[in-house]
Each structure stands twice: as structure tokens, then as C-alpha cells.
Amino acid sequence: LRMHDVPLEYVKWLRVKLTGRRTTFKFDDFASELFLIERGIDQGCPLSVILYAFYNAALIEAANPANEETAEGSMDDVAIPVTGRTF
């Protein structure tokens, strides 16, 4: 985020939002102990689309238009189309 000049106060807020989260697995008659969530963002969080764009920015930016290279990103997918005269 900082590499893309996102203001530090937003980065700090996001760090607080993503720190100290806990969850448990439950299925059938089983329930795990609470455990720390160390990565990712909450399921369904509207920020996930925005944060994924930052996460994949280096991949998208690696395409060099001068060499007729393109990369497209949408939601949580990236496509790098390739064409050539021969296989």
C-alpha cells in the first residue's frame, strides 16, 4: 500500500482492523478452539476488491505495453493474454 502512496493513516487503520482477529471452525458436533487469523481479510468485506487490486498491482504493472504486452485484473482474477506468430 505504501509503495502506491496510500496515506500512512489508512495503512495504520487497516493494520489495526486486521490485527487480533480470531475464529473457530464448527461443523457437525465439532468446534475447534479459538485461533488467531494471521492473514487475509474478512469474508465479504467490501475492501477486499480494493486490497486485491493493490496486492496484484505488481503483476499487472509487469506487462510492458512497448512490447505489446497486456495484463488485465478484475475482482480476484488476473489474465495475461498471450499472442504470437508461432506456438
PDB file of N, CA and C in Angstrom:
ATOM      1  N   LEU A   1       0.827  -1.194   0.000  1.00  0.00           N
ATOM      2  CA  LEU A   1       0.000   0.000   0.000  1.00  0.00           C
ATOM      3  C   LEU A   1       0.868   1.253   0.000  1.00  0.00           C
ATOM      4  N   ARG A   2       1.912   1.215   0.812  1.00  0.00           N
ATOM      5  CA  ARG A   2       2.793   2.384   0.869  1.00  0.00           C
ATOM      6  C   ARG A   2       3.517   2.574  -0.462  1.00  0.00           C
ATOM      7  N   MET A   3       3.848   1.495  -1.182  1.00  0.00           N
ATOM      8  CA  MET A   3       4.515   1.618  -2.485  1.00  0.00           C
ATOM      9  C   MET A   3       3.624   2.337  -3.498  1.00  0.00           C
ATOM     10  N   HIS A   4       2.322   2.361  -3.231  1.00  0.00           N
ATOM     11  CA  HIS A   4       1.381   3.033  -4.122  1.00  0.00           C
ATOM     12  C   HIS A   4       0.856   4.322  -3.510  1.00  0.00           C
ATOM     13  N   ASP A   5       1.620   4.842  -2.565  1.00  0.00           N
ATOM     14  CA  ASP A   5       1.341   6.146  -1.954  1.00  0.00           C
ATOM     15  C   ASP A   5      -0.003   6.245  -1.233  1.00  0.00           C
ATOM     16  N   VAL A   6      -0.475   5.107  -0.714  1.00  0.00           N
ATOM     17  CA  VAL A   6      -1.662   5.154   0.138  1.00  0.00           C
ATOM     18  C   VAL A   6      -1.237   5.852   1.425  1.00  0.00           C
ATOM     19  N   PRO A   7      -1.988   6.850   1.871  1.00  0.00           N
ATOM     20  CA  PRO A   7      -1.587   7.591   3.071  1.00  0.00           C
ATOM     21  C   PRO A   7      -1.378   6.672   4.282  1.00  0.00           C
ATOM     22  N   LEU A   8      -0.374   6.997   5.066  1.00  0.00           N
ATOM     23  CA  LEU A   8       0.013   6.185   6.207  1.00  0.00           C
ATOM     24  C   LEU A   8      -1.132   5.959   7.180  1.00  0.00           C
ATOM     25  N   GLU A   9      -2.001   6.958   7.376  1.00  0.00           N
ATOM     26  CA  GLU A   9      -3.101   6.789   8.328  1.00  0.00           C
ATOM     27  C   GLU A   9      -4.063   5.681   7.886  1.00  0.00           C
ATOM     28  N   TYR A  10      -4.233   5.493   6.567  1.00  0.00           N
ATOM     29  CA  TYR A  10      -5.078   4.392   6.077  1.00  0.00           C
ATOM     30  C   TYR A  10      -4.398   3.040   6.291  1.00  0.00           C
ATOM     31  N   VAL A  11      -3.104   3.021   6.055  1.00  0.00           N
ATOM     32  CA  VAL A  11      -2.349   1.782   6.253  1.00  0.00           C
ATOM     33  C   VAL A  11      -2.393   1.376   7.726  1.00  0.00           C
ATOM     34  N   LYS A  12      -2.216   2.352   8.611  1.00  0.00           N
ATOM     35  CA  LYS A  12      -2.274   2.068  10.049  1.00  0.00           C
ATOM     36  C   LYS A  12      -3.664   1.597  10.463  1.00  0.00           C
ATOM     37  N   TRP A  13      -4.711   2.234   9.936  1.00  0.00           N
ATOM     38  CA  TRP A  13      -6.078   1.830  10.258  1.00  0.00           C
ATOM     39  C   TRP A  13      -6.329   0.390   9.808  1.00  0.00           C
ATOM     40  N   LEU A  14      -5.866   0.075   8.613  1.00  0.00           N
ATOM     41  CA  LEU A  14      -6.054  -1.278   8.092  1.00  0.00           C
ATOM     42  C   LEU A  14      -5.293  -2.296   8.940  1.00  0.00           C
ATOM     43  N   ARG A  15      -4.095  -1.945   9.387  1.00  0.00           N
ATOM     44  CA  ARG A  15      -3.312  -2.839  10.243  1.00  0.00           C
ATOM     45  C   ARG A  15      -4.078  -3.137  11.536  1.00  0.00           C
ATOM     46  N   VAL A  16      -4.680  -2.118  12.125  1.00  0.00           N
ATOM     47  CA  VAL A  16      -5.473  -2.319  13.346  1.00  0.00           C
ATOM     48  C   VAL A  16      -6.681  -3.194  13.047  1.00  0.00           C
ATOM     49  N   LYS A  17      -7.354  -2.930  11.926  1.00  0.00           N
ATOM     50  CA  LYS A  17      -8.533  -3.711  11.544  1.00  0.00           C
ATOM     51  C   LYS A  17      -8.205  -5.191  11.379  1.00  0.00           C
ATOM     52  N   LEU A  18      -7.009  -5.487  10.873  1.00  0.00           N
ATOM     53  CA  LEU A  18      -6.650  -6.878  10.567  1.00  0.00           C
ATOM     54  C   LEU A  18      -5.848  -7.552  11.678  1.00  0.00           C
ATOM     55  N   THR A  19      -5.638  -6.896  12.795  1.00  0.00           N
ATOM     56  CA  THR A  19      -4.836  -7.448  13.888  1.00  0.00           C
ATOM     57  C   THR A  19      -5.744  -7.982  14.990  1.00  0.00           C
ATOM     58  N   GLY A  20      -5.358  -9.118  15.537  1.00  0.00           N
ATOM     59  CA  GLY A  20      -6.046  -9.664  16.699  1.00  0.00           C
ATOM     60  C   GLY A  20      -7.368 -10.350  16.396  1.00  0.00           C
ATOM     61  N   ARG A  21      -7.622 -10.679  15.130  1.00  0.00           N
ATOM     62  CA  ARG A  21      -8.872 -11.359  14.799  1.00  0.00           C
ATOM     63  C   ARG A  21      -8.755 -12.839  15.143  1.00  0.00           C
ATOM     64  N   ARG A  22      -9.855 -13.410  15.610  1.00  0.00           N
ATOM     65  CA  ARG A  22      -9.882 -14.825  15.977  1.00  0.00           C
ATOM     66  C   ARG A  22     -11.130 -15.468  15.399  1.00  0.00           C
ATOM     67  N   THR A  23     -11.064 -16.774  15.202  1.00  0.00           N
ATOM     68  CA  THR A  23     -12.213 -17.527  14.720  1.00  0.00           C
ATOM     69  C   THR A  23     -12.147 -18.952  15.244  1.00  0.00           C
ATOM     70  N   THR A  24     -13.168 -19.701  14.935  1.00  0.00           N
ATOM     71  CA  THR A  24     -13.228 -21.110  15.307  1.00  0.00           C
ATOM     72  C   THR A  24     -13.848 -21.879  14.149  1.00  0.00           C
ATOM     73  N   PHE A  25     -13.463 -23.119  13.983  1.00  0.00           N
ATOM     74  CA  PHE A  25     -14.093 -23.991  12.989  1.00  0.00           C
ATOM     75  C   PHE A  25     -15.215 -24.755  13.662  1.00  0.00           C
ATOM     76  N   LYS A  26     -16.378 -24.788  13.016  1.00  0.00           N
ATOM     77  CA  LYS A  26     -17.505 -25.558  13.547  1.00  0.00           C
ATOM     78  C   LYS A  26     -18.138 -26.366  12.426  1.00  0.00           C
ATOM     79  N   PHE A  27     -18.294 -27.651  12.653  1.00  0.00           N
ATOM     80  CA  PHE A  27     -19.042 -28.491  11.733  1.00  0.00           C
ATOM     81  C   PHE A  27     -19.460 -29.755  12.468  1.00  0.00           C
ATOM     82  N   ASP A  28     -20.621 -30.265  12.096  1.00  0.00           N
ATOM     83  CA  ASP A  28     -21.226 -31.401  12.791  1.00  0.00           C
ATOM     84  C   ASP A  28     -21.233 -31.113  14.295  1.00  0.00           C
ATOM     85  N   ASP A  29     -20.660 -32.030  15.082  1.00  0.00           N
ATOM     86  CA  ASP A  29     -20.610 -31.844  16.529  1.00  0.00           C
ATOM     87  C   ASP A  29     -19.256 -31.309  16.993  1.00  0.00           C
ATOM     88  N   PHE A  30     -18.449 -30.841  16.073  1.00  0.00           N
ATOM     89  CA  PHE A  30     -17.095 -30.400  16.407  1.00  0.00           C
ATOM     90  C   PHE A  30     -17.026 -28.875  16.443  1.00  0.00           C
ATOM     91  N   ALA A  31     -16.313 -28.343  17.399  1.00  0.00           N
ATOM     92  CA  ALA A  31     -15.983 -26.915  17.461  1.00  0.00           C
ATOM     93  C   ALA A  31     -14.545 -26.791  17.930  1.00  0.00           C
ATOM     94  N   SER A  32     -13.704 -26.180  17.100  1.00  0.00           N
ATOM     95  CA  SER A  32     -12.299 -26.025  17.463  1.00  0.00           C
ATOM     96  C   SER A  32     -12.140 -24.953  18.531  1.00  0.00           C
ATOM     97  N   GLU A  33     -10.970 -24.908  19.105  1.00  0.00           N
ATOM     98  CA  GLU A  33     -10.618 -23.806  19.997  1.00  0.00           C
ATOM     99  C   GLU A  33     -10.468 -22.545  19.144  1.00  0.00           C
ATOM    100  N   LEU A  34     -10.631 -21.386  19.771  1.00  0.00           N
ATOM    101  CA  LEU A  34     -10.376 -20.137  19.064  1.00  0.00           C
ATOM    102  C   LEU A  34      -8.918 -20.091  18.624  1.00  0.00           C
ATOM    103  N   PHE A  35      -8.697 -19.601  17.413  1.00  0.00           N
ATOM    104  CA  PHE A  35      -7.319 -19.423  16.958  1.00  0.00           C
ATOM    105  C   PHE A  35      -7.198 -18.105  16.218  1.00  0.00           C
ATOM    106  N   LEU A  36      -5.987 -17.602  16.174  1.00  0.00           N
ATOM    107  CA  LEU A  36      -5.680 -16.301  15.585  1.00  0.00           C
ATOM    108  C   LEU A  36      -5.717 -16.384  14.059  1.00  0.00           C
ATOM    109  N   ILE A  37      -6.332 -15.405  13.427  1.00  0.00           N
ATOM    110  CA  ILE A  37      -6.308 -15.275  11.969  1.00  0.00           C
ATOM    111  C   ILE A  37      -5.135 -14.369  11.633  1.00  0.00           C
ATOM    112  N   GLU A  38      -4.132 -14.929  10.978  1.00  0.00           N
ATOM    113  CA  GLU A  38      -2.901 -14.174  10.726  1.00  0.00           C
ATOM    114  C   GLU A  38      -2.841 -13.547   9.339  1.00  0.00           C
ATOM    115  N   ARG A  39      -3.712 -13.967   8.418  1.00  0.00           N
ATOM    116  CA  ARG A  39      -3.662 -13.450   7.053  1.00  0.00           C
ATOM    117  C   ARG A  39      -5.073 -13.263   6.520  1.00  0.00           C
ATOM    118  N   GLY A  40      -5.172 -12.438   5.487  1.00  0.00           N
ATOM    119  CA  GLY A  40      -6.446 -12.275   4.806  1.00  0.00           C
ATOM    120  C   GLY A  40      -7.323 -11.204   5.421  1.00  0.00           C
ATOM    121  N   ILE A  41      -8.482 -11.056   4.807  1.00  0.00           N
ATOM    122  CA  ILE A  41      -9.452 -10.064   5.248  1.00  0.00           C
ATOM    123  C   ILE A  41     -10.783 -10.787   5.432  1.00  0.00           C
ATOM    124  N   ASP A  42     -11.678 -10.185   6.165  1.00  0.00           N
ATOM    125  CA  ASP A  42     -12.955 -10.818   6.469  1.00  0.00           C
ATOM    126  C   ASP A  42     -13.718 -11.177   5.192  1.00  0.00           C
ATOM    127  N   GLN A  43     -14.348 -12.349   5.207  1.00  0.00           N
ATOM    128  CA  GLN A  43     -15.178 -12.772   4.086  1.00  0.00           C
ATOM    129  C   GLN A  43     -16.274 -11.745   3.845  1.00  0.00           C
ATOM    130  N   GLY A  44     -16.432 -11.310   2.606  1.00  0.00           N
ATOM    131  CA  GLY A  44     -17.481 -10.353   2.266  1.00  0.00           C
ATOM    132  C   GLY A  44     -17.150  -8.895   2.530  1.00  0.00           C
ATOM    133  N   CYS A  45     -15.963  -8.614   3.034  1.00  0.00           N
ATOM    134  CA  CYS A  45     -15.589  -7.225   3.305  1.00  0.00           C
ATOM    135  C   CYS A  45     -15.479  -6.457   1.979  1.00  0.00           C
ATOM    136  N   PRO A  46     -16.146  -5.310   1.862  1.00  0.00           N
ATOM    137  CA  PRO A  46     -16.084  -4.551   0.613  1.00  0.00           C
ATOM    138  C   PRO A  46     -14.673  -4.074   0.258  1.00  0.00           C
ATOM    139  N   LEU A  47     -13.797  -4.004   1.240  1.00  0.00           N
ATOM    140  CA  LEU A  47     -12.416  -3.592   0.954  1.00  0.00           C
ATOM    141  C   LEU A  47     -11.628  -4.659   0.208  1.00  0.00           C
ATOM    142  N   SER A  48     -12.108  -5.898   0.204  1.00  0.00           N
ATOM    143  CA  SER A  48     -11.324  -6.987  -0.380  1.00  0.00           C
ATOM    144  C   SER A  48     -11.011  -6.743  -1.851  1.00  0.00           C
ATOM    145  N   VAL A  49     -11.943  -6.194  -2.613  1.00  0.00           N
ATOM    146  CA  VAL A  49     -11.707  -5.927  -4.035  1.00  0.00           C
ATOM    147  C   VAL A  49     -10.612  -4.879  -4.198  1.00  0.00           C
ATOM    148  N   ILE A  50     -10.674  -3.830  -3.390  1.00  0.00           N
ATOM    149  CA  ILE A  50      -9.676  -2.764  -3.465  1.00  0.00           C
ATOM    150  C   ILE A  50      -8.304  -3.279  -3.044  1.00  0.00           C
ATOM    151  N   LEU A  51      -8.258  -4.009  -1.939  1.00  0.00           N
ATOM    152  CA  LEU A  51      -6.980  -4.509  -1.445  1.00  0.00           C
ATOM    153  C   LEU A  51      -6.379  -5.541  -2.392  1.00  0.00           C
ATOM    154  N   TYR A  52      -7.225  -6.342  -3.037  1.00  0.00           N
ATOM    155  CA  TYR A  52      -6.708  -7.314  -4.000  1.00  0.00           C
ATOM    156  C   TYR A  52      -6.053  -6.606  -5.184  1.00  0.00           C
ATOM    157  N   ALA A  53      -6.606  -5.476  -5.588  1.00  0.00           N
ATOM    158  CA  ALA A  53      -6.004  -4.717  -6.685  1.00  0.00           C
ATOM    159  C   ALA A  53      -4.598  -4.249  -6.304  1.00  0.00           C
ATOM    160  N   PHE A  54      -4.420  -3.802  -5.071  1.00  0.00           N
ATOM    161  CA  PHE A  54      -3.079  -3.420  -4.610  1.00  0.00           C
ATOM    162  C   PHE A  54      -2.171  -4.644  -4.529  1.00  0.00           C
ATOM    163  N   TYR A  55      -2.709  -5.759  -4.032  1.00  0.00           N
ATOM    164  CA  TYR A  55      -1.933  -7.000  -3.883  1.00  0.00           C
ATOM    165  C   TYR A  55      -1.386  -7.465  -5.235  1.00  0.00           C
ATOM    166  N   ASN A  56      -2.192  -7.357  -6.285  1.00  0.00           N
ATOM    167  CA  ASN A  56      -1.791  -7.834  -7.609  1.00  0.00           C
ATOM    168  C   ASN A  56      -1.217  -6.742  -8.500  1.00  0.00           C
ATOM    169  N   ALA A  57      -1.053  -5.548  -7.999  1.00  0.00           N
ATOM    170  CA  ALA A  57      -0.602  -4.433  -8.825  1.00  0.00           C
ATOM    171  C   ALA A  57       0.725  -4.723  -9.525  1.00  0.00           C
ATOM    172  N   ALA A  58       1.669  -5.333  -8.841  1.00  0.00           N
ATOM    173  CA  ALA A  58       2.980  -5.605  -9.457  1.00  0.00           C
ATOM    174  C   ALA A  58       2.843  -6.553 -10.645  1.00  0.00           C
ATOM    175  N   LEU A  59       1.943  -7.517 -10.548  1.00  0.00           N
ATOM    176  CA  LEU A  59       1.723  -8.455 -11.646  1.00  0.00           C
ATOM    177  C   LEU A  59       1.142  -7.732 -12.861  1.00  0.00           C
ATOM    178  N   ILE A  60       0.150  -6.897 -12.628  1.00  0.00           N
ATOM    179  CA  ILE A  60      -0.464  -6.137 -13.726  1.00  0.00           C
ATOM    180  C   ILE A  60       0.543  -5.159 -14.330  1.00  0.00           C
ATOM    181  N   GLU A  61       1.295  -4.483 -13.483  1.00  0.00           N
ATOM    182  CA  GLU A  61       2.251  -3.472 -13.948  1.00  0.00           C
ATOM    183  C   GLU A  61       3.467  -4.079 -14.636  1.00  0.00           C
ATOM    184  N   ALA A  62       3.678  -5.378 -14.488  1.00  0.00           N
ATOM    185  CA  ALA A  62       4.827  -6.032 -15.116  1.00  0.00           C
ATOM    186  C   ALA A  62       4.674  -6.115 -16.632  1.00  0.00           C
ATOM    187  N   ALA A  63       3.445  -6.069 -17.119  1.00  0.00           N
ATOM    188  CA  ALA A  63       3.227  -6.089 -18.563  1.00  0.00           C
ATOM    189  C   ALA A  63       3.782  -4.811 -19.180  1.00  0.00           C
ATOM    190  N   ASN A  64       4.510  -4.958 -20.272  1.00  0.00           N
ATOM    191  CA  ASN A  64       5.158  -3.819 -20.925  1.00  0.00           C
ATOM    192  C   ASN A  64       4.437  -3.505 -22.236  1.00  0.00           C
ATOM    193  N   PRO A  65       3.629  -2.442 -22.250  1.00  0.00           N
ATOM    194  CA  PRO A  65       2.901  -2.099 -23.474  1.00  0.00           C
ATOM    195  C   PRO A  65       3.818  -1.846 -24.674  1.00  0.00           C
ATOM    196  N   ALA A  66       5.060  -1.419 -24.444  1.00  0.00           N
ATOM    197  CA  ALA A  66       6.001  -1.187 -25.539  1.00  0.00           C
ATOM    198  C   ALA A  66       6.313  -2.485 -26.276  1.00  0.00           C
ATOM    199  N   ASN A  67       6.179  -3.613 -25.586  1.00  0.00           N
ATOM    200  CA  ASN A  67       6.390  -4.940 -26.192  1.00  0.00           C
ATOM    201  C   ASN A  67       5.066  -5.604 -26.549  1.00  0.00           C
ATOM    202  N   GLU A  68       4.010  -4.798 -26.625  1.00  0.00           N
ATOM    203  CA  GLU A  68       2.666  -5.281 -26.913  1.00  0.00           C
ATOM    204  C   GLU A  68       2.191  -6.292 -25.865  1.00  0.00           C
ATOM    205  N   GLU A  69       2.611  -6.115 -24.612  1.00  0.00           N
ATOM    206  CA  GLU A  69       2.176  -6.977 -23.514  1.00  0.00           C
ATOM    207  C   GLU A  69       1.009  -6.314 -22.786  1.00  0.00           C
ATOM    208  N   THR A  70       0.036  -7.124 -22.409  1.00  0.00           N
ATOM    209  CA  THR A  70      -1.085  -6.610 -21.641  1.00  0.00           C
ATOM    210  C   THR A  70      -1.387  -7.562 -20.492  1.00  0.00           C
ATOM    211  N   ALA A  71      -1.968  -7.027 -19.453  1.00  0.00           N
ATOM    212  CA  ALA A  71      -2.459  -7.829 -18.330  1.00  0.00           C
ATOM    213  C   ALA A  71      -3.724  -7.156 -17.842  1.00  0.00           C
ATOM    214  N   GLU A  72      -4.703  -7.934 -17.515  1.00  0.00           N
ATOM    215  CA  GLU A  72      -5.986  -7.409 -17.050  1.00  0.00           C
ATOM    216  C   GLU A  72      -6.308  -8.023 -15.700  1.00  0.00           C
ATOM    217  N   GLY A  73      -6.794  -7.210 -14.796  1.00  0.00           N
ATOM    218  CA  GLY A  73      -7.208  -7.692 -13.486  1.00  0.00           C
ATOM    219  C   GLY A  73      -8.658  -7.318 -13.229  1.00  0.00           C
ATOM    220  N   SER A  74      -9.396  -8.232 -12.646  1.00  0.00           N
ATOM    221  CA  SER A  74     -10.793  -7.977 -12.340  1.00  0.00           C
ATOM    222  C   SER A  74     -11.171  -8.750 -11.089  1.00  0.00           C
ATOM    223  N   MET A  75     -11.667  -8.031 -10.098  1.00  0.00           N
ATOM    224  CA  MET A  75     -12.091  -8.636  -8.829  1.00  0.00           C
ATOM    225  C   MET A  75     -10.944  -9.438  -8.223  1.00  0.00           C
ATOM    226  N   ASP A  76     -10.996 -10.769  -8.332  1.00  0.00           N
ATOM    227  CA  ASP A  76      -9.946 -11.587  -7.721  1.00  0.00           C
ATOM    228  C   ASP A  76      -9.245 -12.473  -8.744  1.00  0.00           C
ATOM    229  N   ASP A  77      -9.197 -12.031  -9.979  1.00  0.00           N
ATOM    230  CA  ASP A  77      -8.543 -12.792 -11.042  1.00  0.00           C
ATOM    231  C   ASP A  77      -7.638 -11.877 -11.849  1.00  0.00           C
ATOM    232  N   VAL A  78      -6.610 -12.496 -12.446  1.00  0.00           N
ATOM    233  CA  VAL A  78      -5.724 -11.782 -13.354  1.00  0.00           C
ATOM    234  C   VAL A  78      -5.575 -12.630 -14.605  1.00  0.00           C
ATOM    235  N   ALA A  79      -5.635 -11.992 -15.760  1.00  0.00           N
ATOM    236  CA  ALA A  79      -5.415 -12.680 -17.028  1.00  0.00           C
ATOM    237  C   ALA A  79      -4.257 -11.998 -17.740  1.00  0.00           C
ATOM    238  N   ILE A  80      -3.349 -12.811 -18.238  1.00  0.00           N
ATOM    239  CA  ILE A  80      -2.251 -12.291 -19.042  1.00  0.00           C
ATOM    240  C   ILE A  80      -2.378 -12.955 -20.412  1.00  0.00           C
ATOM    241  N   PRO A  81      -3.115 -12.300 -21.336  1.00  0.00           N
ATOM    242  CA  PRO A  81      -3.309 -12.889 -22.660  1.00  0.00           C
ATOM    243  C   PRO A  81      -2.009 -12.878 -23.448  1.00  0.00           C
ATOM    244  N   VAL A  82      -1.815 -13.933 -24.212  1.00  0.00           N
ATOM    245  CA  VAL A  82      -0.592 -14.066 -24.981  1.00  0.00           C
ATOM    246  C   VAL A  82      -0.965 -14.380 -26.440  1.00  0.00           C
ATOM    247  N   THR A  83      -0.327 -13.684 -27.358  1.00  0.00           N
ATOM    248  CA  THR A  83      -0.484 -13.995 -28.773  1.00  0.00           C
ATOM    249  C   THR A  83       0.898 -14.071 -29.399  1.00  0.00           C
ATOM    250  N   GLY A  84       0.991 -14.781 -30.511  1.00  0.00           N
ATOM    251  CA  GLY A  84       2.268 -14.891 -31.197  1.00  0.00           C
ATOM    252  C   GLY A  84       2.082 -15.431 -32.596  1.00  0.00           C
ATOM    253  N   ARG A  85       3.102 -15.243 -33.425  1.00  0.00           N
ATOM    254  CA  ARG A  85       3.044 -15.730 -34.798  1.00  0.00           C
ATOM    255  C   ARG A  85       3.182 -17.244 -34.856  1.00  0.00           C
ATOM    256  N   THR A  86       3.922 -17.806 -33.898  1.00  0.00           N
ATOM    257  CA  THR A  86       4.106 -19.259 -33.850  1.00  0.00           C
ATOM    258  C   THR A  86       3.876 -19.728 -32.427  1.00  0.00           C
ATOM    259  N   PHE A  87       3.700 -21.030 -32.276  1.00  0.00           N
ATOM    260  CA  PHE A  87       3.499 -21.585 -30.957  1.00  0.00           C
ATOM    261  C   PHE A  87       4.745 -21.423 -30.127  1.00  0.00           C
TER     262      PHE A  87
END
